[in-house]
Amino acid sequence: MKKEPNQFLRVAGIARDSIVDGPGVRLTVFVPGCKIKCPHCHNPETWDFNGGYVISVADILSMYRPQYQGLTLSGGEPFDQDNEQTAALLSLASFIHARGGDVWAYSGHYLEFLQAKNHPLLEAIDALVDANFEYKLRDYTLRFRGSSNQRIWIKNPEGKWKND
């Protein structure tokens, strides 16, 4: 077993037992801070990078239960975080993988944009729901998405992204 992390993460909130942020029952971590600020965002209270509270990665891991399928990173915008926040997210993802869970992330950015930036968080996640919520394209019958422009990307074992 890996040594418990000694890192801290600023979070806007944590949802235990989520069934809407990816497959199975999940732990969802909402990080504060978003540069996109989509109209009709369902979490505008998470836009402020200084919002929320600070918690240790170890304390977040203590909330993770064996019945969880994985962790979901949401926000705010997980891919707009500074280096320290990103390092803590990477550590958290690594520990979830070590426990057999998968890691999903939600982003208002498109996968192609994140790939062009070579964002390190892309390496640590197994699935990405990309694109901002578009009110005029809303469709609440879609699984794990709010609007039809949003895409679900699943990473295969070779590290290639496939649109699901």
N, C-alpha and C. Protein backbone atom coordinates (compact mmCIF):
# COMPACT_ATOMS: atom_id res chain seq x y z
N MET A 1 0.85 -1.19 0.00
CA MET A 1 0.00 0.00 0.00
C MET A 1 0.88 1.24 0.00
N LYS A 2 0.45 2.22 -0.74
CA LYS A 2 1.20 3.47 -0.81
C LYS A 2 1.13 4.23 0.51
N LYS A 3 2.17 4.99 0.78
CA LYS A 3 2.19 5.86 1.94
C LYS A 3 1.14 6.96 1.76
N GLU A 4 0.41 7.26 2.82
CA GLU A 4 -0.62 8.30 2.75
C GLU A 4 0.00 9.64 2.35
N PRO A 5 -0.68 10.38 1.50
CA PRO A 5 -0.13 11.65 1.01
C PRO A 5 -0.11 12.73 2.10
N ASN A 6 0.81 13.65 1.95
CA ASN A 6 0.94 14.78 2.86
C ASN A 6 0.65 16.06 2.08
N GLN A 7 -0.44 16.05 1.32
CA GLN A 7 -0.80 17.19 0.49
C GLN A 7 -2.17 17.71 0.90
N PHE A 8 -2.41 18.94 0.51
CA PHE A 8 -3.70 19.57 0.80
C PHE A 8 -4.32 20.05 -0.50
N LEU A 9 -5.65 20.06 -0.50
CA LEU A 9 -6.41 20.44 -1.68
C LEU A 9 -7.50 21.41 -1.26
N ARG A 10 -7.66 22.48 -2.01
CA ARG A 10 -8.79 23.38 -1.79
C ARG A 10 -9.97 22.79 -2.55
N VAL A 11 -11.08 22.59 -1.86
CA VAL A 11 -12.27 22.02 -2.47
C VAL A 11 -13.46 22.95 -2.26
N ALA A 12 -14.37 22.92 -3.22
CA ALA A 12 -15.63 23.65 -3.07
C ALA A 12 -16.67 22.78 -2.39
N GLY A 13 -16.46 21.47 -2.44
CA GLY A 13 -17.36 20.53 -1.80
C GLY A 13 -17.00 19.11 -2.19
N ILE A 14 -17.57 18.18 -1.45
CA ILE A 14 -17.37 16.76 -1.71
C ILE A 14 -18.72 16.08 -1.61
N ALA A 15 -19.05 15.29 -2.62
CA ALA A 15 -20.31 14.53 -2.61
C ALA A 15 -19.98 13.05 -2.46
N ARG A 16 -20.49 12.47 -1.40
CA ARG A 16 -20.34 11.03 -1.20
C ARG A 16 -21.53 10.33 -1.84
N ASP A 17 -21.31 9.13 -2.29
CA ASP A 17 -22.38 8.28 -2.83
C ASP A 17 -23.07 8.89 -4.04
N SER A 18 -22.32 9.58 -4.90
CA SER A 18 -22.89 10.16 -6.11
C SER A 18 -23.18 9.06 -7.12
N ILE A 19 -24.33 9.16 -7.77
CA ILE A 19 -24.67 8.22 -8.84
C ILE A 19 -24.90 8.95 -10.17
N VAL A 20 -24.57 10.24 -10.22
CA VAL A 20 -24.80 11.03 -11.43
C VAL A 20 -23.50 11.53 -12.08
N ASP A 21 -22.37 11.33 -11.44
CA ASP A 21 -21.10 11.89 -11.92
C ASP A 21 -20.18 10.83 -12.51
N GLY A 22 -20.77 9.81 -13.13
CA GLY A 22 -20.02 8.71 -13.70
C GLY A 22 -20.67 7.41 -13.28
N PRO A 23 -20.16 6.29 -13.79
CA PRO A 23 -20.79 5.00 -13.51
C PRO A 23 -20.61 4.54 -12.07
N GLY A 24 -21.59 3.82 -11.58
CA GLY A 24 -21.53 3.28 -10.23
C GLY A 24 -21.70 4.35 -9.17
N VAL A 25 -21.42 3.97 -7.95
CA VAL A 25 -21.45 4.90 -6.83
C VAL A 25 -20.05 5.49 -6.71
N ARG A 26 -19.98 6.82 -6.52
CA ARG A 26 -18.70 7.51 -6.62
C ARG A 26 -18.52 8.54 -5.51
N LEU A 27 -17.27 8.90 -5.31
CA LEU A 27 -16.92 10.06 -4.49
C LEU A 27 -16.61 11.17 -5.48
N THR A 28 -17.29 12.31 -5.34
CA THR A 28 -17.07 13.43 -6.25
C THR A 28 -16.46 14.59 -5.49
N VAL A 29 -15.36 15.10 -6.02
CA VAL A 29 -14.67 16.25 -5.44
C VAL A 29 -14.84 17.43 -6.39
N PHE A 30 -15.40 18.52 -5.85
CA PHE A 30 -15.60 19.74 -6.61
C PHE A 30 -14.49 20.72 -6.22
N VAL A 31 -13.68 21.11 -7.19
CA VAL A 31 -12.61 22.07 -6.91
C VAL A 31 -13.11 23.48 -7.25
N PRO A 32 -12.67 24.48 -6.49
CA PRO A 32 -13.09 25.85 -6.80
C PRO A 32 -12.18 26.46 -7.86
N GLY A 33 -12.75 27.34 -8.63
CA GLY A 33 -11.98 28.07 -9.62
C GLY A 33 -12.33 27.66 -11.02
N CYS A 34 -12.77 28.64 -11.80
CA CYS A 34 -13.10 28.39 -13.20
C CYS A 34 -12.91 29.67 -13.99
N LYS A 35 -12.16 29.57 -15.08
CA LYS A 35 -11.95 30.72 -15.96
C LYS A 35 -13.02 30.79 -17.04
N ILE A 36 -13.73 29.70 -17.30
CA ILE A 36 -14.69 29.64 -18.41
C ILE A 36 -15.98 30.38 -18.08
N LYS A 37 -16.55 30.11 -16.91
CA LYS A 37 -17.78 30.75 -16.44
C LYS A 37 -18.93 30.64 -17.45
N CYS A 38 -19.30 29.43 -17.76
CA CYS A 38 -20.35 29.16 -18.74
C CYS A 38 -21.69 29.76 -18.31
N PRO A 39 -22.42 30.35 -19.25
CA PRO A 39 -23.79 30.77 -18.93
C PRO A 39 -24.61 29.54 -18.52
N HIS A 40 -25.47 29.70 -17.55
CA HIS A 40 -26.33 28.62 -17.05
C HIS A 40 -25.55 27.51 -16.35
N CYS A 41 -24.35 27.80 -15.91
CA CYS A 41 -23.56 26.83 -15.15
C CYS A 41 -24.37 26.37 -13.94
N HIS A 42 -24.33 25.07 -13.62
CA HIS A 42 -25.07 24.59 -12.45
C HIS A 42 -24.26 24.72 -11.17
N ASN A 43 -23.00 25.18 -11.26
CA ASN A 43 -22.17 25.38 -10.07
C ASN A 43 -21.46 26.75 -10.08
N PRO A 44 -22.16 27.85 -10.33
CA PRO A 44 -21.46 29.14 -10.39
C PRO A 44 -20.79 29.53 -9.08
N GLU A 45 -21.25 28.96 -7.98
CA GLU A 45 -20.63 29.26 -6.68
C GLU A 45 -19.21 28.69 -6.60
N THR A 46 -18.81 27.88 -7.57
CA THR A 46 -17.46 27.30 -7.57
C THR A 46 -16.49 28.07 -8.46
N TRP A 47 -16.88 29.19 -9.01
CA TRP A 47 -16.01 29.92 -9.93
C TRP A 47 -14.82 30.59 -9.24
N ASP A 48 -14.97 30.98 -7.99
CA ASP A 48 -13.93 31.70 -7.26
C ASP A 48 -12.80 30.75 -6.85
N PHE A 49 -11.59 31.02 -7.31
CA PHE A 49 -10.44 30.17 -7.00
C PHE A 49 -10.12 30.16 -5.50
N ASN A 50 -10.55 31.16 -4.77
CA ASN A 50 -10.30 31.23 -3.33
C ASN A 50 -11.47 30.72 -2.50
N GLY A 51 -12.48 30.20 -3.17
CA GLY A 51 -13.65 29.69 -2.46
C GLY A 51 -13.39 28.34 -1.82
N GLY A 52 -14.39 27.88 -1.12
CA GLY A 52 -14.31 26.56 -0.52
C GLY A 52 -13.44 26.50 0.72
N TYR A 53 -12.84 25.37 0.95
CA TYR A 53 -12.03 25.14 2.14
C TYR A 53 -10.88 24.20 1.80
N VAL A 54 -9.91 24.14 2.67
CA VAL A 54 -8.74 23.30 2.46
C VAL A 54 -8.90 22.02 3.28
N ILE A 55 -8.58 20.90 2.65
CA ILE A 55 -8.66 19.59 3.30
C ILE A 55 -7.47 18.77 2.83
N SER A 56 -7.02 17.87 3.65
CA SER A 56 -5.89 17.03 3.25
C SER A 56 -6.36 15.96 2.27
N VAL A 57 -5.47 15.56 1.37
CA VAL A 57 -5.76 14.47 0.45
C VAL A 57 -6.04 13.20 1.26
N ALA A 58 -5.31 13.01 2.35
CA ALA A 58 -5.54 11.84 3.21
C ALA A 58 -6.96 11.83 3.77
N ASP A 59 -7.49 13.00 4.15
CA ASP A 59 -8.86 13.07 4.67
C ASP A 59 -9.88 12.75 3.57
N ILE A 60 -9.60 13.19 2.35
CA ILE A 60 -10.49 12.84 1.23
C ILE A 60 -10.46 11.33 1.02
N LEU A 61 -9.26 10.76 1.04
CA LEU A 61 -9.14 9.31 0.85
C LEU A 61 -9.85 8.53 1.93
N SER A 62 -9.92 9.08 3.14
CA SER A 62 -10.62 8.38 4.22
C SER A 62 -12.12 8.31 3.97
N MET A 63 -12.64 9.15 3.07
CA MET A 63 -14.06 9.11 2.71
C MET A 63 -14.37 8.06 1.65
N TYR A 64 -13.33 7.58 0.98
CA TYR A 64 -13.50 6.63 -0.12
C TYR A 64 -13.85 5.25 0.43
N ARG A 65 -14.94 4.69 -0.04
CA ARG A 65 -15.46 3.42 0.46
C ARG A 65 -15.23 2.29 -0.55
N PRO A 66 -15.10 1.06 -0.06
CA PRO A 66 -14.89 -0.08 -0.96
C PRO A 66 -15.99 -0.25 -2.02
N GLN A 67 -17.21 0.18 -1.71
CA GLN A 67 -18.31 0.02 -2.66
C GLN A 67 -18.26 1.05 -3.80
N TYR A 68 -17.39 2.04 -3.69
CA TYR A 68 -17.29 3.05 -4.76
C TYR A 68 -16.60 2.46 -5.98
N GLN A 69 -17.11 2.84 -7.15
CA GLN A 69 -16.45 2.45 -8.39
C GLN A 69 -15.28 3.38 -8.68
N GLY A 70 -15.38 4.62 -8.20
CA GLY A 70 -14.28 5.53 -8.46
C GLY A 70 -14.52 6.92 -7.90
N LEU A 71 -13.69 7.80 -8.41
CA LEU A 71 -13.66 9.21 -8.03
C LEU A 71 -14.00 10.05 -9.24
N THR A 72 -14.74 11.13 -9.02
CA THR A 72 -15.01 12.10 -10.08
C THR A 72 -14.49 13.45 -9.64
N LEU A 73 -13.76 14.11 -10.55
CA LEU A 73 -13.26 15.47 -10.32
C LEU A 73 -14.15 16.42 -11.10
N SER A 74 -14.71 17.40 -10.41
CA SER A 74 -15.61 18.35 -11.05
C SER A 74 -15.29 19.72 -10.49
N GLY A 75 -16.16 20.67 -10.73
CA GLY A 75 -15.84 21.99 -10.23
C GLY A 75 -17.01 22.94 -10.33
N GLY A 76 -16.52 24.14 -10.47
CA GLY A 76 -15.29 24.72 -10.94
C GLY A 76 -14.76 24.00 -12.17
N GLU A 77 -13.48 24.13 -12.33
CA GLU A 77 -12.80 23.55 -13.49
C GLU A 77 -11.51 22.87 -13.04
N PRO A 78 -11.50 21.52 -12.99
CA PRO A 78 -10.30 20.81 -12.54
C PRO A 78 -9.05 21.13 -13.36
N PHE A 79 -9.23 21.49 -14.62
CA PHE A 79 -8.08 21.72 -15.51
C PHE A 79 -7.61 23.17 -15.51
N ASP A 80 -8.22 24.02 -14.69
CA ASP A 80 -7.78 25.42 -14.54
C ASP A 80 -7.01 25.65 -13.24
N GLN A 81 -6.66 24.61 -12.54
CA GLN A 81 -6.03 24.74 -11.23
C GLN A 81 -4.54 25.06 -11.35
N ASP A 82 -3.99 25.66 -10.30
CA ASP A 82 -2.56 25.97 -10.29
C ASP A 82 -1.75 24.69 -10.08
N ASN A 83 -0.43 24.79 -10.11
CA ASN A 83 0.44 23.62 -10.01
C ASN A 83 0.25 22.84 -8.71
N GLU A 84 0.07 23.55 -7.61
CA GLU A 84 -0.09 22.89 -6.31
C GLU A 84 -1.39 22.10 -6.25
N GLN A 85 -2.47 22.71 -6.71
CA GLN A 85 -3.77 22.03 -6.75
C GLN A 85 -3.71 20.82 -7.70
N THR A 86 -3.10 21.03 -8.86
CA THR A 86 -2.99 19.94 -9.83
C THR A 86 -2.19 18.78 -9.26
N ALA A 87 -1.10 19.08 -8.55
CA ALA A 87 -0.29 18.02 -7.93
C ALA A 87 -1.12 17.23 -6.92
N ALA A 88 -1.95 17.91 -6.14
CA ALA A 88 -2.80 17.23 -5.17
C ALA A 88 -3.85 16.37 -5.88
N LEU A 89 -4.40 16.87 -6.98
CA LEU A 89 -5.36 16.07 -7.75
C LEU A 89 -4.70 14.83 -8.35
N LEU A 90 -3.48 14.99 -8.83
CA LEU A 90 -2.74 13.86 -9.39
C LEU A 90 -2.48 12.81 -8.31
N SER A 91 -2.12 13.25 -7.13
CA SER A 91 -1.89 12.34 -6.02
C SER A 91 -3.17 11.61 -5.64
N LEU A 92 -4.25 12.34 -5.54
CA LEU A 92 -5.54 11.76 -5.20
C LEU A 92 -5.92 10.69 -6.23
N ALA A 93 -5.78 11.00 -7.51
CA ALA A 93 -6.10 10.05 -8.58
C ALA A 93 -5.24 8.79 -8.46
N SER A 94 -3.98 8.97 -8.18
CA SER A 94 -3.06 7.84 -8.04
C SER A 94 -3.48 6.91 -6.91
N PHE A 95 -3.88 7.48 -5.80
CA PHE A 95 -4.32 6.66 -4.67
C PHE A 95 -5.63 5.94 -4.97
N ILE A 96 -6.53 6.58 -5.71
CA ILE A 96 -7.79 5.93 -6.09
C ILE A 96 -7.50 4.76 -7.01
N HIS A 97 -6.61 4.96 -7.98
CA HIS A 97 -6.22 3.86 -8.87
C HIS A 97 -5.61 2.70 -8.07
N ALA A 98 -4.79 3.02 -7.09
CA ALA A 98 -4.16 1.98 -6.26
C ALA A 98 -5.20 1.18 -5.48
N ARG A 99 -6.36 1.78 -5.24
CA ARG A 99 -7.45 1.08 -4.53
C ARG A 99 -8.39 0.39 -5.51
N GLY A 100 -8.06 0.42 -6.79
CA GLY A 100 -8.87 -0.27 -7.79
C GLY A 100 -9.99 0.55 -8.39
N GLY A 101 -10.06 1.84 -8.08
CA GLY A 101 -11.11 2.69 -8.61
C GLY A 101 -10.70 3.37 -9.90
N ASP A 102 -11.69 3.87 -10.62
CA ASP A 102 -11.41 4.66 -11.81
C ASP A 102 -11.58 6.14 -11.48
N VAL A 103 -11.09 6.99 -12.36
CA VAL A 103 -11.15 8.44 -12.14
C VAL A 103 -11.77 9.10 -13.37
N TRP A 104 -12.86 9.80 -13.14
CA TRP A 104 -13.52 10.59 -14.17
C TRP A 104 -13.29 12.06 -13.86
N ALA A 105 -13.37 12.89 -14.90
CA ALA A 105 -13.28 14.34 -14.71
C ALA A 105 -14.26 15.03 -15.65
N TYR A 106 -14.79 16.14 -15.18
CA TYR A 106 -15.65 17.01 -15.98
C TYR A 106 -14.88 18.27 -16.30
N SER A 107 -14.96 18.71 -17.55
CA SER A 107 -14.29 19.95 -17.96
C SER A 107 -15.13 20.71 -18.96
N GLY A 108 -15.11 22.02 -18.85
CA GLY A 108 -15.72 22.88 -19.85
C GLY A 108 -14.84 23.03 -21.07
N HIS A 109 -13.59 22.60 -20.97
CA HIS A 109 -12.66 22.63 -22.10
C HIS A 109 -12.86 21.37 -22.94
N TYR A 110 -12.55 21.48 -24.22
CA TYR A 110 -12.58 20.31 -25.10
C TYR A 110 -11.31 19.50 -24.91
N LEU A 111 -11.43 18.18 -25.09
CA LEU A 111 -10.29 17.29 -24.98
C LEU A 111 -9.12 17.77 -25.83
N GLU A 112 -9.40 18.19 -27.05
CA GLU A 112 -8.34 18.62 -27.96
C GLU A 112 -7.55 19.81 -27.40
N PHE A 113 -8.24 20.73 -26.74
CA PHE A 113 -7.58 21.87 -26.11
C PHE A 113 -6.66 21.40 -24.99
N LEU A 114 -7.16 20.49 -24.16
CA LEU A 114 -6.37 19.98 -23.04
C LEU A 114 -5.16 19.19 -23.53
N GLN A 115 -5.34 18.45 -24.62
CA GLN A 115 -4.21 17.71 -25.21
C GLN A 115 -3.16 18.67 -25.76
N ALA A 116 -3.60 19.75 -26.41
CA ALA A 116 -2.67 20.74 -26.96
C ALA A 116 -1.87 21.41 -25.84
N LYS A 117 -2.50 21.57 -24.66
CA LYS A 117 -1.81 22.13 -23.50
C LYS A 117 -0.95 21.09 -22.79
N ASN A 118 -1.10 19.83 -23.21
CA ASN A 118 -0.39 18.72 -22.57
C ASN A 118 -0.66 18.71 -21.07
N HIS A 119 -1.93 18.85 -20.72
CA HIS A 119 -2.30 18.96 -19.31
C HIS A 119 -2.01 17.64 -18.59
N PRO A 120 -1.25 17.70 -17.48
CA PRO A 120 -0.86 16.46 -16.79
C PRO A 120 -2.02 15.66 -16.21
N LEU A 121 -3.11 16.32 -15.91
CA LEU A 121 -4.26 15.62 -15.33
C LEU A 121 -4.86 14.61 -16.32
N LEU A 122 -4.69 14.85 -17.61
CA LEU A 122 -5.21 13.91 -18.61
C LEU A 122 -4.60 12.52 -18.45
N GLU A 123 -3.35 12.47 -18.02
CA GLU A 123 -2.68 11.18 -17.84
C GLU A 123 -3.24 10.42 -16.65
N ALA A 124 -3.82 11.11 -15.70
CA ALA A 124 -4.26 10.50 -14.44
C ALA A 124 -5.72 10.09 -14.43
N ILE A 125 -6.46 10.43 -15.48
CA ILE A 125 -7.89 10.11 -15.49
C ILE A 125 -8.19 9.01 -16.51
N ASP A 126 -9.31 8.35 -16.29
CA ASP A 126 -9.75 7.26 -17.17
C ASP A 126 -10.87 7.69 -18.10
N ALA A 127 -11.57 8.75 -17.75
CA ALA A 127 -12.69 9.23 -18.56
C ALA A 127 -12.82 10.74 -18.38
N LEU A 128 -13.27 11.38 -19.44
CA LEU A 128 -13.45 12.83 -19.44
C LEU A 128 -14.80 13.16 -20.07
N VAL A 129 -15.57 13.99 -19.39
CA VAL A 129 -16.76 14.58 -19.98
C VAL A 129 -16.35 16.01 -20.31
N ASP A 130 -16.31 16.32 -21.61
CA ASP A 130 -15.78 17.63 -22.02
C ASP A 130 -16.86 18.53 -22.59
N ALA A 131 -16.52 19.78 -22.75
CA ALA A 131 -17.34 20.85 -23.33
C ALA A 131 -18.26 21.47 -22.28
N ASN A 132 -18.49 22.75 -22.46
CA ASN A 132 -19.34 23.45 -21.50
C ASN A 132 -20.81 23.13 -21.73
N PHE A 133 -21.58 23.26 -20.67
CA PHE A 133 -23.02 23.06 -20.75
C PHE A 133 -23.63 24.14 -21.63
N GLU A 134 -24.38 23.73 -22.64
CA GLU A 134 -25.07 24.67 -23.55
C GLU A 134 -26.57 24.57 -23.27
N TYR A 135 -27.11 25.64 -22.73
CA TYR A 135 -28.52 25.64 -22.33
C TYR A 135 -29.45 25.29 -23.49
N LYS A 136 -29.16 25.83 -24.68
CA LYS A 136 -30.04 25.58 -25.83
C LYS A 136 -29.94 24.14 -26.33
N LEU A 137 -28.91 23.42 -25.90
CA LEU A 137 -28.73 22.02 -26.29
C LEU A 137 -28.99 21.06 -25.11
N ARG A 138 -29.61 21.58 -24.05
CA ARG A 138 -29.82 20.76 -22.86
C ARG A 138 -30.70 19.56 -23.20
N ASP A 139 -30.35 18.45 -22.59
CA ASP A 139 -31.09 17.22 -22.77
C ASP A 139 -30.86 16.39 -21.52
N TYR A 140 -31.80 16.42 -20.62
CA TYR A 140 -31.62 15.78 -19.33
C TYR A 140 -31.82 14.27 -19.39
N THR A 141 -32.05 13.73 -20.59
CA THR A 141 -32.12 12.28 -20.73
C THR A 141 -30.73 11.69 -21.01
N LEU A 142 -29.74 12.54 -21.28
CA LEU A 142 -28.39 12.06 -21.55
C LEU A 142 -27.74 11.57 -20.27
N ARG A 143 -27.04 10.47 -20.36
CA ARG A 143 -26.36 9.92 -19.19
C ARG A 143 -25.06 10.69 -18.93
N PHE A 144 -24.89 11.18 -17.72
CA PHE A 144 -23.69 11.86 -17.24
C PHE A 144 -23.40 13.18 -17.95
N ARG A 145 -24.34 13.72 -18.70
CA ARG A 145 -24.16 14.99 -19.39
C ARG A 145 -25.44 15.79 -19.31
N GLY A 146 -25.31 17.12 -19.46
CA GLY A 146 -26.49 17.97 -19.41
C GLY A 146 -26.92 18.51 -20.77
N SER A 147 -26.00 18.54 -21.73
CA SER A 147 -26.32 19.04 -23.06
C SER A 147 -25.65 18.18 -24.12
N SER A 148 -26.26 18.16 -25.31
CA SER A 148 -25.83 17.23 -26.36
C SER A 148 -24.47 17.56 -26.97
N ASN A 149 -23.94 18.74 -26.73
CA ASN A 149 -22.59 19.06 -27.23
C ASN A 149 -21.49 18.44 -26.38
N GLN A 150 -21.82 18.04 -25.17
CA GLN A 150 -20.83 17.45 -24.28
C GLN A 150 -20.55 16.02 -24.72
N ARG A 151 -19.27 15.64 -24.60
CA ARG A 151 -18.85 14.32 -25.06
C ARG A 151 -18.23 13.55 -23.90
N ILE A 152 -18.40 12.25 -23.95
CA ILE A 152 -17.76 11.36 -22.97
C ILE A 152 -16.61 10.66 -23.68
N TRP A 153 -15.42 10.83 -23.13
CA TRP A 153 -14.22 10.20 -23.66
C TRP A 153 -13.73 9.16 -22.66
N ILE A 154 -13.43 7.97 -23.16
CA ILE A 154 -12.90 6.90 -22.33
C ILE A 154 -11.49 6.58 -22.83
N LYS A 155 -10.55 6.47 -21.91
CA LYS A 155 -9.17 6.15 -22.28
C LYS A 155 -9.01 4.63 -22.29
N ASN A 156 -8.48 4.11 -23.39
CA ASN A 156 -8.25 2.66 -23.46
C ASN A 156 -6.93 2.30 -22.77
N PRO A 157 -6.64 1.02 -22.59
CA PRO A 157 -5.41 0.63 -21.88
C PRO A 157 -4.11 1.14 -22.52
N GLU A 158 -4.14 1.44 -23.80
CA GLU A 158 -2.97 2.00 -24.48
C GLU A 158 -2.86 3.51 -24.31
N GLY A 159 -3.82 4.12 -23.61
CA GLY A 159 -3.78 5.55 -23.36
C GLY A 159 -4.41 6.40 -24.46
N LYS A 160 -5.11 5.78 -25.38
CA LYS A 160 -5.79 6.50 -26.46
C LYS A 160 -7.22 6.81 -26.04
N TRP A 161 -7.68 8.01 -26.41
CA TRP A 161 -9.03 8.44 -26.06
C TRP A 161 -10.03 8.02 -27.14
N LYS A 162 -11.17 7.48 -26.70
CA LYS A 162 -12.22 7.09 -27.61
C LYS A 162 -13.52 7.74 -27.15
N ASN A 163 -14.24 8.36 -28.10
CA ASN A 163 -15.52 8.98 -27.78
C ASN A 163 -16.54 7.89 -27.56
N ASP A 164 -17.19 7.95 -26.40
CA ASP A 164 -18.15 6.90 -26.06
C ASP A 164 -19.55 7.31 -26.45
